[in-house]
Amino acid sequence: MSTRTPYRVLFVCLGNICRSPAAEIIFNAVAAQEGLSHLVKADSCGTASYHTGSKPDHRMLAALERAGYSYGGHRARTFRRADFSEFDLIIPQDEYNEQDILSLARHEEDRSRVRGMWQWFAPEETERSVPDPYYGGPAGFDAVVALLTRSMQRLVAELSAKLQA
């Protein structure tokens, strides 16, 4: 566990316009709700550069708004090797993104920072990754927001216990 404050969390998906910015927004909101904004901070990026500089997908922003979350101005960026040094915890949204990130790891310390999002899913969840809603309709975006909201409660609780111990 890092001794620097705030503890930095990086969420990663493919293009950084759907799942990972949603995870960032939800994480920061849950952390603020729990009074932990001074201890943790999240960011997000993608493993591909397709959407660099773009806002999150308008359908994801609509789903986040329906769930009560606010867009904070995020712009898509691509994962860099330097992120291993700048973040304490790197959370890919699916196995493919996890493989891409791990292929860039320089050593075991880099690899040790990577934990799949599924590790904070509730035991009854049937998914092993955050589904990519990009090619679907609004229900898929709402489902991703709901899954991430449930998961962030668990992640923030875990970090809170570790950081305030």
N, C-alpha and C. Protein backbone atom coordinates (compact mmCIF):
# COMPACT_ATOMS: atom_id res chain seq x y z
N MET A 1 0.85 -1.18 0.00
CA MET A 1 0.00 0.00 0.00
C MET A 1 0.89 1.24 0.00
N SER A 2 0.59 2.16 -0.86
CA SER A 2 1.38 3.38 -0.99
C SER A 2 1.23 4.26 0.24
N THR A 3 2.28 5.02 0.55
CA THR A 3 2.21 5.96 1.65
C THR A 3 1.88 7.36 1.16
N ARG A 4 1.86 7.55 -0.14
CA ARG A 4 1.55 8.89 -0.66
C ARG A 4 0.05 9.14 -0.57
N THR A 5 -0.26 10.41 -0.44
CA THR A 5 -1.66 10.82 -0.40
C THR A 5 -1.87 11.81 -1.52
N PRO A 6 -2.92 11.73 -2.28
CA PRO A 6 -3.92 10.68 -2.16
C PRO A 6 -3.47 9.38 -2.83
N TYR A 7 -4.13 8.31 -2.43
CA TYR A 7 -3.93 7.01 -3.06
C TYR A 7 -4.57 7.11 -4.44
N ARG A 8 -3.82 6.78 -5.49
CA ARG A 8 -4.26 7.00 -6.86
C ARG A 8 -4.74 5.70 -7.50
N VAL A 9 -5.95 5.74 -8.08
CA VAL A 9 -6.58 4.59 -8.73
C VAL A 9 -6.81 4.94 -10.20
N LEU A 10 -6.45 4.04 -11.10
CA LEU A 10 -6.63 4.25 -12.53
C LEU A 10 -7.53 3.15 -13.08
N PHE A 11 -8.64 3.54 -13.69
CA PHE A 11 -9.56 2.61 -14.34
C PHE A 11 -9.26 2.59 -15.83
N VAL A 12 -9.26 1.39 -16.42
CA VAL A 12 -8.85 1.25 -17.81
C VAL A 12 -9.85 0.40 -18.59
N CYS A 13 -10.25 0.90 -19.77
CA CYS A 13 -11.03 0.10 -20.71
C CYS A 13 -10.38 0.26 -22.09
N LEU A 14 -11.09 -0.05 -23.14
CA LEU A 14 -10.50 0.00 -24.48
C LEU A 14 -10.30 1.43 -24.97
N GLY A 15 -11.41 2.17 -25.13
CA GLY A 15 -11.32 3.49 -25.73
C GLY A 15 -11.40 4.65 -24.78
N ASN A 16 -11.69 4.38 -23.50
CA ASN A 16 -11.79 5.42 -22.47
C ASN A 16 -12.94 6.40 -22.73
N ILE A 17 -14.05 5.87 -23.27
CA ILE A 17 -15.22 6.73 -23.46
C ILE A 17 -16.49 6.13 -22.84
N CYS A 18 -16.43 4.91 -22.35
CA CYS A 18 -17.63 4.30 -21.75
C CYS A 18 -17.36 3.80 -20.33
N ARG A 19 -16.77 2.62 -20.24
CA ARG A 19 -16.63 1.96 -18.94
C ARG A 19 -15.67 2.64 -17.98
N SER A 20 -14.46 2.94 -18.44
CA SER A 20 -13.48 3.50 -17.50
C SER A 20 -13.80 4.92 -17.04
N PRO A 21 -14.31 5.82 -17.90
CA PRO A 21 -14.69 7.12 -17.34
C PRO A 21 -15.89 7.00 -16.40
N ALA A 22 -16.79 6.05 -16.68
CA ALA A 22 -17.91 5.83 -15.75
C ALA A 22 -17.37 5.35 -14.41
N ALA A 23 -16.41 4.43 -14.44
CA ALA A 23 -15.82 3.93 -13.19
C ALA A 23 -15.15 5.07 -12.43
N GLU A 24 -14.42 5.92 -13.14
CA GLU A 24 -13.76 7.07 -12.51
C GLU A 24 -14.78 7.99 -11.83
N ILE A 25 -15.82 8.34 -12.56
CA ILE A 25 -16.84 9.25 -12.04
C ILE A 25 -17.55 8.64 -10.83
N ILE A 26 -17.93 7.38 -10.93
CA ILE A 26 -18.64 6.72 -9.84
C ILE A 26 -17.73 6.56 -8.63
N PHE A 27 -16.50 6.13 -8.85
CA PHE A 27 -15.55 5.98 -7.75
C PHE A 27 -15.37 7.29 -7.00
N ASN A 28 -15.10 8.36 -7.73
CA ASN A 28 -14.89 9.66 -7.08
C ASN A 28 -16.13 10.11 -6.32
N ALA A 29 -17.32 9.83 -6.86
CA ALA A 29 -18.56 10.21 -6.17
C ALA A 29 -18.75 9.39 -4.88
N VAL A 30 -18.51 8.10 -4.96
CA VAL A 30 -18.65 7.24 -3.78
C VAL A 30 -17.61 7.62 -2.72
N ALA A 31 -16.38 7.86 -3.15
CA ALA A 31 -15.34 8.28 -2.20
C ALA A 31 -15.71 9.59 -1.53
N ALA A 32 -16.25 10.54 -2.28
CA ALA A 32 -16.68 11.82 -1.70
C ALA A 32 -17.82 11.61 -0.71
N GLN A 33 -18.76 10.76 -1.09
CA GLN A 33 -19.90 10.47 -0.21
C GLN A 33 -19.43 9.86 1.11
N GLU A 34 -18.37 9.09 1.06
CA GLU A 34 -17.82 8.45 2.26
C GLU A 34 -16.81 9.34 2.99
N GLY A 35 -16.61 10.56 2.49
CA GLY A 35 -15.69 11.49 3.12
C GLY A 35 -14.22 11.14 2.90
N LEU A 36 -13.91 10.49 1.78
CA LEU A 36 -12.55 10.03 1.53
C LEU A 36 -11.84 10.78 0.40
N SER A 37 -12.41 11.85 -0.09
CA SER A 37 -11.81 12.56 -1.22
C SER A 37 -10.38 13.01 -0.95
N HIS A 38 -10.06 13.26 0.29
CA HIS A 38 -8.70 13.68 0.63
C HIS A 38 -7.72 12.50 0.64
N LEU A 39 -8.23 11.27 0.64
CA LEU A 39 -7.38 10.08 0.70
C LEU A 39 -7.22 9.36 -0.62
N VAL A 40 -8.20 9.48 -1.51
CA VAL A 40 -8.17 8.73 -2.78
C VAL A 40 -8.55 9.65 -3.94
N LYS A 41 -8.03 9.30 -5.11
CA LYS A 41 -8.34 10.04 -6.33
C LYS A 41 -8.28 9.07 -7.49
N ALA A 42 -9.24 9.18 -8.38
CA ALA A 42 -9.29 8.29 -9.54
C ALA A 42 -9.11 9.05 -10.84
N ASP A 43 -8.65 8.32 -11.84
CA ASP A 43 -8.52 8.80 -13.21
C ASP A 43 -8.88 7.60 -14.08
N SER A 44 -8.89 7.81 -15.39
CA SER A 44 -9.17 6.69 -16.29
C SER A 44 -8.45 6.91 -17.61
N CYS A 45 -8.30 5.80 -18.34
CA CYS A 45 -7.66 5.84 -19.65
C CYS A 45 -8.07 4.60 -20.43
N GLY A 46 -7.60 4.51 -21.67
CA GLY A 46 -7.89 3.37 -22.52
C GLY A 46 -6.62 2.71 -23.01
N THR A 47 -6.75 1.48 -23.47
CA THR A 47 -5.59 0.79 -24.03
C THR A 47 -5.41 1.10 -25.51
N ALA A 48 -6.43 1.67 -26.14
CA ALA A 48 -6.35 2.04 -27.55
C ALA A 48 -6.52 3.56 -27.67
N SER A 49 -5.98 4.12 -28.71
CA SER A 49 -5.99 5.58 -28.87
C SER A 49 -7.11 6.09 -29.77
N TYR A 50 -8.10 5.26 -30.06
CA TYR A 50 -9.17 5.65 -30.99
C TYR A 50 -9.83 6.98 -30.65
N HIS A 51 -10.04 7.22 -29.37
CA HIS A 51 -10.86 8.36 -28.95
C HIS A 51 -10.09 9.41 -28.16
N THR A 52 -8.77 9.41 -28.24
CA THR A 52 -7.96 10.35 -27.47
C THR A 52 -8.49 11.78 -27.64
N GLY A 53 -8.70 12.44 -26.51
CA GLY A 53 -9.19 13.82 -26.50
C GLY A 53 -10.70 13.95 -26.50
N SER A 54 -11.42 12.84 -26.68
CA SER A 54 -12.89 12.89 -26.74
C SER A 54 -13.52 12.87 -25.36
N LYS A 55 -14.72 13.41 -25.29
CA LYS A 55 -15.55 13.28 -24.09
C LYS A 55 -16.07 11.84 -24.03
N PRO A 56 -16.57 11.43 -22.86
CA PRO A 56 -17.21 10.12 -22.80
C PRO A 56 -18.39 10.06 -23.77
N ASP A 57 -18.72 8.86 -24.19
CA ASP A 57 -19.85 8.62 -25.08
C ASP A 57 -21.11 9.27 -24.49
N HIS A 58 -21.88 9.94 -25.33
CA HIS A 58 -23.08 10.66 -24.86
C HIS A 58 -24.08 9.71 -24.20
N ARG A 59 -24.11 8.45 -24.63
CA ARG A 59 -25.03 7.48 -24.02
C ARG A 59 -24.59 7.13 -22.60
N MET A 60 -23.27 7.07 -22.38
CA MET A 60 -22.77 6.82 -21.03
C MET A 60 -23.02 8.02 -20.14
N LEU A 61 -22.82 9.21 -20.66
CA LEU A 61 -23.10 10.41 -19.87
C LEU A 61 -24.58 10.47 -19.49
N ALA A 62 -25.46 10.08 -20.40
CA ALA A 62 -26.90 10.06 -20.10
C ALA A 62 -27.21 9.02 -19.02
N ALA A 63 -26.60 7.85 -19.11
CA ALA A 63 -26.82 6.81 -18.10
C ALA A 63 -26.31 7.26 -16.73
N LEU A 64 -25.15 7.89 -16.71
CA LEU A 64 -24.61 8.41 -15.46
C LEU A 64 -25.53 9.47 -14.87
N GLU A 65 -26.03 10.36 -15.72
CA GLU A 65 -26.94 11.40 -15.25
C GLU A 65 -28.23 10.79 -14.68
N ARG A 66 -28.76 9.77 -15.36
CA ARG A 66 -29.97 9.11 -14.85
C ARG A 66 -29.74 8.51 -13.46
N ALA A 67 -28.50 8.10 -13.21
CA ALA A 67 -28.17 7.49 -11.92
C ALA A 67 -27.73 8.53 -10.88
N GLY A 68 -27.71 9.81 -11.27
CA GLY A 68 -27.39 10.86 -10.32
C GLY A 68 -25.94 11.28 -10.27
N TYR A 69 -25.14 10.89 -11.26
CA TYR A 69 -23.72 11.26 -11.29
C TYR A 69 -23.50 12.42 -12.24
N SER A 70 -22.46 13.21 -11.95
CA SER A 70 -22.14 14.38 -12.76
C SER A 70 -20.84 14.19 -13.53
N TYR A 71 -20.83 14.65 -14.75
CA TYR A 71 -19.64 14.63 -15.61
C TYR A 71 -18.70 15.74 -15.17
N GLY A 72 -17.44 15.39 -15.01
CA GLY A 72 -16.47 16.36 -14.52
C GLY A 72 -15.50 16.88 -15.54
N GLY A 73 -15.75 16.65 -16.83
CA GLY A 73 -14.89 17.20 -17.87
C GLY A 73 -13.82 16.25 -18.38
N HIS A 74 -13.91 14.99 -18.06
CA HIS A 74 -12.91 14.00 -18.49
C HIS A 74 -12.75 14.00 -20.01
N ARG A 75 -11.51 13.82 -20.46
CA ARG A 75 -11.19 13.62 -21.88
C ARG A 75 -10.37 12.34 -21.99
N ALA A 76 -10.68 11.55 -23.01
CA ALA A 76 -10.03 10.25 -23.19
C ALA A 76 -8.52 10.41 -23.40
N ARG A 77 -7.80 9.45 -22.84
CA ARG A 77 -6.36 9.37 -23.05
C ARG A 77 -5.97 7.90 -23.11
N THR A 78 -4.75 7.64 -23.54
CA THR A 78 -4.25 6.28 -23.69
C THR A 78 -3.33 5.92 -22.53
N PHE A 79 -3.40 4.66 -22.11
CA PHE A 79 -2.52 4.15 -21.05
C PHE A 79 -1.07 4.30 -21.47
N ARG A 80 -0.23 4.70 -20.51
CA ARG A 80 1.21 4.86 -20.74
C ARG A 80 1.98 4.03 -19.70
N ARG A 81 3.16 3.61 -20.02
CA ARG A 81 3.97 2.88 -19.03
C ARG A 81 4.17 3.71 -17.76
N ALA A 82 4.26 5.01 -17.91
CA ALA A 82 4.45 5.88 -16.74
C ALA A 82 3.30 5.76 -15.75
N ASP A 83 2.13 5.29 -16.20
CA ASP A 83 0.99 5.12 -15.29
C ASP A 83 1.30 4.11 -14.19
N PHE A 84 2.17 3.16 -14.46
CA PHE A 84 2.55 2.21 -13.41
C PHE A 84 3.19 2.93 -12.23
N SER A 85 3.94 3.98 -12.50
CA SER A 85 4.60 4.74 -11.43
C SER A 85 3.69 5.79 -10.81
N GLU A 86 2.73 6.27 -11.57
CA GLU A 86 1.88 7.36 -11.10
C GLU A 86 0.64 6.91 -10.35
N PHE A 87 0.29 5.62 -10.46
CA PHE A 87 -0.92 5.11 -9.82
C PHE A 87 -0.59 3.94 -8.90
N ASP A 88 -1.31 3.87 -7.80
CA ASP A 88 -1.12 2.80 -6.83
C ASP A 88 -1.88 1.54 -7.21
N LEU A 89 -3.02 1.72 -7.88
CA LEU A 89 -3.88 0.61 -8.25
C LEU A 89 -4.41 0.86 -9.66
N ILE A 90 -4.25 -0.12 -10.54
CA ILE A 90 -4.70 -0.01 -11.93
C ILE A 90 -5.75 -1.08 -12.14
N ILE A 91 -6.96 -0.66 -12.53
CA ILE A 91 -8.10 -1.57 -12.59
C ILE A 91 -8.67 -1.65 -14.00
N PRO A 92 -8.27 -2.68 -14.76
CA PRO A 92 -8.85 -2.89 -16.08
C PRO A 92 -10.29 -3.39 -15.95
N GLN A 93 -11.11 -3.03 -16.93
CA GLN A 93 -12.53 -3.37 -16.89
C GLN A 93 -12.82 -4.76 -17.46
N ASP A 94 -11.88 -5.32 -18.21
CA ASP A 94 -12.07 -6.68 -18.71
C ASP A 94 -10.72 -7.36 -18.88
N GLU A 95 -10.77 -8.66 -19.21
CA GLU A 95 -9.56 -9.46 -19.31
C GLU A 95 -8.65 -9.01 -20.45
N TYR A 96 -9.22 -8.54 -21.55
CA TYR A 96 -8.41 -8.09 -22.68
C TYR A 96 -7.59 -6.86 -22.32
N ASN A 97 -8.23 -5.92 -21.64
CA ASN A 97 -7.50 -4.73 -21.21
C ASN A 97 -6.44 -5.10 -20.18
N GLU A 98 -6.76 -6.05 -19.32
CA GLU A 98 -5.79 -6.51 -18.33
C GLU A 98 -4.57 -7.11 -19.03
N GLN A 99 -4.77 -7.93 -20.04
CA GLN A 99 -3.65 -8.51 -20.78
C GLN A 99 -2.82 -7.43 -21.46
N ASP A 100 -3.49 -6.44 -22.06
CA ASP A 100 -2.76 -5.34 -22.72
C ASP A 100 -1.89 -4.57 -21.73
N ILE A 101 -2.44 -4.29 -20.55
CA ILE A 101 -1.69 -3.55 -19.54
C ILE A 101 -0.52 -4.38 -19.03
N LEU A 102 -0.79 -5.64 -18.71
CA LEU A 102 0.27 -6.49 -18.19
C LEU A 102 1.40 -6.69 -19.20
N SER A 103 1.08 -6.63 -20.49
CA SER A 103 2.13 -6.77 -21.52
C SER A 103 3.09 -5.59 -21.50
N LEU A 104 2.67 -4.48 -20.92
CA LEU A 104 3.53 -3.30 -20.82
C LEU A 104 4.29 -3.22 -19.50
N ALA A 105 3.96 -4.10 -18.57
CA ALA A 105 4.61 -4.09 -17.26
C ALA A 105 6.10 -4.37 -17.41
N ARG A 106 6.90 -3.61 -16.67
CA ARG A 106 8.35 -3.74 -16.75
C ARG A 106 8.88 -4.77 -15.75
N HIS A 107 8.14 -4.96 -14.66
CA HIS A 107 8.61 -5.86 -13.60
C HIS A 107 7.44 -6.23 -12.70
N GLU A 108 7.72 -7.03 -11.70
CA GLU A 108 6.66 -7.54 -10.81
C GLU A 108 5.95 -6.41 -10.07
N GLU A 109 6.65 -5.37 -9.71
CA GLU A 109 6.00 -4.25 -9.01
C GLU A 109 4.91 -3.63 -9.88
N ASP A 110 5.17 -3.47 -11.18
CA ASP A 110 4.14 -2.98 -12.10
C ASP A 110 2.96 -3.94 -12.13
N ARG A 111 3.24 -5.22 -12.29
CA ARG A 111 2.16 -6.23 -12.37
C ARG A 111 1.34 -6.27 -11.08
N SER A 112 1.98 -6.04 -9.95
CA SER A 112 1.28 -6.12 -8.66
C SER A 112 0.25 -5.00 -8.49
N ARG A 113 0.34 -3.96 -9.27
CA ARG A 113 -0.60 -2.84 -9.17
C ARG A 113 -1.91 -3.11 -9.93
N VAL A 114 -1.94 -4.15 -10.75
CA VAL A 114 -3.07 -4.43 -11.65
C VAL A 114 -4.01 -5.45 -11.01
N ARG A 115 -5.29 -5.05 -10.86
CA ARG A 115 -6.32 -5.95 -10.33
C ARG A 115 -7.59 -5.72 -11.15
N GLY A 116 -8.16 -6.78 -11.67
CA GLY A 116 -9.36 -6.68 -12.49
C GLY A 116 -10.57 -6.18 -11.72
N MET A 117 -11.41 -5.40 -12.37
CA MET A 117 -12.61 -4.83 -11.74
C MET A 117 -13.50 -5.90 -11.13
N TRP A 118 -13.53 -7.08 -11.74
CA TRP A 118 -14.39 -8.15 -11.26
C TRP A 118 -14.11 -8.52 -9.80
N GLN A 119 -12.94 -8.18 -9.30
CA GLN A 119 -12.59 -8.54 -7.91
C GLN A 119 -13.47 -7.83 -6.89
N TRP A 120 -14.17 -6.78 -7.32
CA TRP A 120 -15.07 -6.07 -6.41
C TRP A 120 -16.54 -6.30 -6.75
N PHE A 121 -16.81 -7.22 -7.66
CA PHE A 121 -18.19 -7.58 -7.96
C PHE A 121 -18.77 -8.33 -6.76
N ALA A 122 -20.06 -8.17 -6.55
CA ALA A 122 -20.74 -8.92 -5.50
C ALA A 122 -20.69 -10.41 -5.84
N PRO A 123 -20.70 -11.28 -4.84
CA PRO A 123 -20.61 -12.72 -5.10
C PRO A 123 -21.69 -13.24 -6.05
N GLU A 124 -22.85 -12.61 -6.06
CA GLU A 124 -23.94 -13.09 -6.92
C GLU A 124 -23.85 -12.61 -8.37
N GLU A 125 -22.88 -11.75 -8.67
CA GLU A 125 -22.72 -11.27 -10.04
C GLU A 125 -22.31 -12.43 -10.95
N THR A 126 -22.86 -12.46 -12.13
CA THR A 126 -22.53 -13.53 -13.08
C THR A 126 -21.43 -13.10 -14.05
N GLU A 127 -21.17 -11.82 -14.16
CA GLU A 127 -20.15 -11.30 -15.08
C GLU A 127 -18.75 -11.50 -14.49
N ARG A 128 -17.75 -11.65 -15.37
CA ARG A 128 -16.35 -11.68 -14.97
C ARG A 128 -15.62 -10.45 -15.49
N SER A 129 -16.37 -9.56 -16.13
CA SER A 129 -15.81 -8.30 -16.59
C SER A 129 -16.95 -7.30 -16.70
N VAL A 130 -16.59 -6.04 -16.85
CA VAL A 130 -17.60 -5.02 -17.08
C VAL A 130 -17.93 -5.08 -18.56
N PRO A 131 -19.18 -5.41 -18.92
CA PRO A 131 -19.52 -5.55 -20.34
C PRO A 131 -19.37 -4.22 -21.07
N ASP A 132 -18.92 -4.30 -22.31
CA ASP A 132 -18.77 -3.10 -23.12
C ASP A 132 -20.13 -2.76 -23.74
N PRO A 133 -20.73 -1.63 -23.37
CA PRO A 133 -22.06 -1.29 -23.87
C PRO A 133 -22.06 -0.56 -25.21
N TYR A 134 -20.88 -0.31 -25.77
CA TYR A 134 -20.75 0.58 -26.93
C TYR A 134 -21.67 0.25 -28.09
N TYR A 135 -21.84 -1.02 -28.42
CA TYR A 135 -22.63 -1.39 -29.59
C TYR A 135 -24.09 -1.70 -29.25
N GLY A 136 -24.51 -1.38 -28.04
CA GLY A 136 -25.88 -1.66 -27.62
C GLY A 136 -26.67 -0.40 -27.37
N GLY A 137 -27.81 -0.57 -26.75
CA GLY A 137 -28.71 0.53 -26.45
C GLY A 137 -28.57 1.05 -25.03
N PRO A 138 -29.47 1.94 -24.64
CA PRO A 138 -29.40 2.57 -23.32
C PRO A 138 -29.41 1.59 -22.15
N ALA A 139 -30.11 0.46 -22.28
CA ALA A 139 -30.17 -0.49 -21.18
C ALA A 139 -28.78 -1.02 -20.83
N GLY A 140 -27.93 -1.22 -21.82
CA GLY A 140 -26.57 -1.70 -21.57
C GLY A 140 -25.75 -0.69 -20.79
N PHE A 141 -25.91 0.58 -21.11
CA PHE A 141 -25.19 1.63 -20.39
C PHE A 141 -25.69 1.72 -18.95
N ASP A 142 -27.01 1.63 -18.77
CA ASP A 142 -27.58 1.65 -17.42
C ASP A 142 -27.09 0.46 -16.60
N ALA A 143 -26.99 -0.71 -17.24
CA ALA A 143 -26.52 -1.91 -16.54
C ALA A 143 -25.06 -1.75 -16.10
N VAL A 144 -24.24 -1.15 -16.95
CA VAL A 144 -22.84 -0.92 -16.59
C VAL A 144 -22.76 0.05 -15.41
N VAL A 145 -23.52 1.12 -15.44
CA VAL A 145 -23.51 2.08 -14.33
C VAL A 145 -23.95 1.39 -13.04
N ALA A 146 -24.97 0.56 -13.11
CA ALA A 146 -25.45 -0.15 -11.91
C ALA A 146 -24.39 -1.12 -11.39
N LEU A 147 -23.76 -1.88 -12.28
CA LEU A 147 -22.71 -2.81 -11.88
C LEU A 147 -21.54 -2.07 -11.24
N LEU A 148 -21.11 -0.99 -11.87
CA LEU A 148 -20.00 -0.22 -11.32
C LEU A 148 -20.36 0.43 -9.99
N THR A 149 -21.58 0.89 -9.85
CA THR A 149 -22.00 1.50 -8.58
C THR A 149 -21.92 0.47 -7.45
N ARG A 150 -22.45 -0.73 -7.70
CA ARG A 150 -22.38 -1.78 -6.68
C ARG A 150 -20.92 -2.12 -6.35
N SER A 151 -20.10 -2.20 -7.37
CA SER A 151 -18.70 -2.58 -7.19
C SER A 151 -17.89 -1.50 -6.48
N MET A 152 -18.17 -0.25 -6.81
CA MET A 152 -17.41 0.85 -6.19
C MET A 152 -17.66 0.92 -4.70
N GLN A 153 -18.84 0.57 -4.26
CA GLN A 153 -19.11 0.55 -2.82
C GLN A 153 -18.12 -0.40 -2.14
N ARG A 154 -17.91 -1.55 -2.75
CA ARG A 154 -17.01 -2.55 -2.19
C ARG A 154 -15.55 -2.09 -2.28
N LEU A 155 -15.16 -1.52 -3.41
CA LEU A 155 -13.78 -1.05 -3.60
C LEU A 155 -13.47 0.08 -2.63
N VAL A 156 -14.34 1.06 -2.53
CA VAL A 156 -14.09 2.19 -1.63
C VAL A 156 -14.03 1.72 -0.18
N ALA A 157 -14.89 0.80 0.20
CA ALA A 157 -14.85 0.26 1.56
C ALA A 157 -13.51 -0.43 1.84
N GLU A 158 -13.02 -1.20 0.87
CA GLU A 158 -11.73 -1.89 1.03
C GLU A 158 -10.60 -0.87 1.19
N LEU A 159 -10.58 0.14 0.32
CA LEU A 159 -9.52 1.15 0.41
C LEU A 159 -9.63 1.97 1.68
N SER A 160 -10.85 2.28 2.10
CA SER A 160 -11.05 3.04 3.32
C SER A 160 -10.45 2.31 4.51
N ALA A 161 -10.73 1.01 4.60
CA ALA A 161 -10.20 0.21 5.71
C ALA A 161 -8.67 0.20 5.71
N LYS A 162 -8.07 0.08 4.52
CA LYS A 162 -6.61 0.03 4.42
C LYS A 162 -5.98 1.39 4.68
N LEU A 163 -6.57 2.44 4.17
CA LEU A 163 -5.96 3.76 4.25
C LEU A 163 -6.18 4.42 5.61
N GLN A 164 -7.21 4.00 6.31
CA GLN A 164 -7.47 4.61 7.62
C GLN A 164 -7.05 3.71 8.77
N ALA A 165 -6.38 2.61 8.46
CA ALA A 165 -5.94 1.67 9.51
C ALA A 165 -4.77 2.24 10.29
